[in-house]
Amino acid sequence: MKAVVIRTFGDPDGLEIVDVPVPVPAPGQVRIATEAIGVGGVDAVIRRGTLAAYGFQGQILGSEVAGKVTAVGGGVDASWIGRRVWAFTGLSGGYAEQAVASIEDVLPLPDGLTGADAVTLGGSGVVAHFALDRARFTSGETVLVRGSAGSIGITAVQLAARGGASTVAVTTSSVERGARLRDLGATHVLDRSGEGGPDAPAGFDVVIDIVGGPQLPLFLDKLTSNGRYVAVGVVGGQPPADFGMRLLDAFRKSLSFATFSSDTVPRPDRQAVRSSHFADAAHGDLRTVVHAVLPLDQAVLAHREMDAGKVFGRVVLAP
């Protein structure tokens, strides 16, 4: 079968499509013929070598797939065979014509939800939901989503609006993207540095940050008293080593900073939220944005588009 591996860390050209044996599901696993594969920010972080200390070189990239179950391992009910499912494959193994996943990380797809929609929402929706929960967000508060053009940010905007936020501000790179985010629930559009003209809010109760990078301290300054900042990604790179000084300089404002990874959420809780989101999306109550569906052998192009900041929503690969 065809799969995409990390031959060398760095730019997208380090990805290579190769022939590998069809995987055999171990006990407790299923094998899935993939119809859709999510291309996410964490894939780019792994490909660049940021996590090289943990391995990954030579491995199949990707973690989120949707498709039909073609085989089951020991201890798994055979009735799963033939069912359309979403699955988390771990931090590798997804960019392939067939992938394996633990049955505990598999969910059946509701009628009306495409595989592309599922891999756009499955991982990102959980991060957005629990990031707002970690921030103790409540109705009536002001929220800023930094880096809102990706699938996590798009979902966070919708969930904050549905949750009764009085303001949902976003950072983005263009007027066109700002208009699309307003259509999804944003009330204010800021540029990448957090500026938005005279009508922009002066501060926020909650900041959800997918970007990180050198400008992170500027956004800490935008927290109101008792404000909460939750970093869920570093797609823009690591923040300055001394960014915590911003918190100490504003000691009397009682600010809070937290990182969040969905790995810290119990699996049943993640699956319950994911299942709810899938049902909402199937009924049109939660919107997904698929930027493009590309063939599996165009994974390099998908990553180039992502690195260039051209993606709004999620790129999906289709074998």
Foldseek 3Di string as FASTA:
>chain_A
DWFWAQQDAAALVSIDIDDDDQDDAAAQKWKFQFFKFFDDLVLNCVRNCVVPVVPRHGFGAGFKTWGATCGHHPPDDPVSHGFIKIFTQDGHAGLDRMGMHGPLRIDGFDPQADRHQLRLCQFLVLLLVVLCVVQVDAAAFAEEEEPLQESNNLNNQLVCQVRHYPAYEYEDDDPVSVVVSVVSHHDFYAYNLRDGPPPDDQAGQEYEYAAAAASVLSNVVRHAQNHEYEYAHHSNHHYDPVSCVSCVVPVVSNYYYYYDDCVPPPSVVSVVSSVVVSVCVSVVNGDADEQEEAESRCVSVLSVCVVVVNHRRIYMYGD
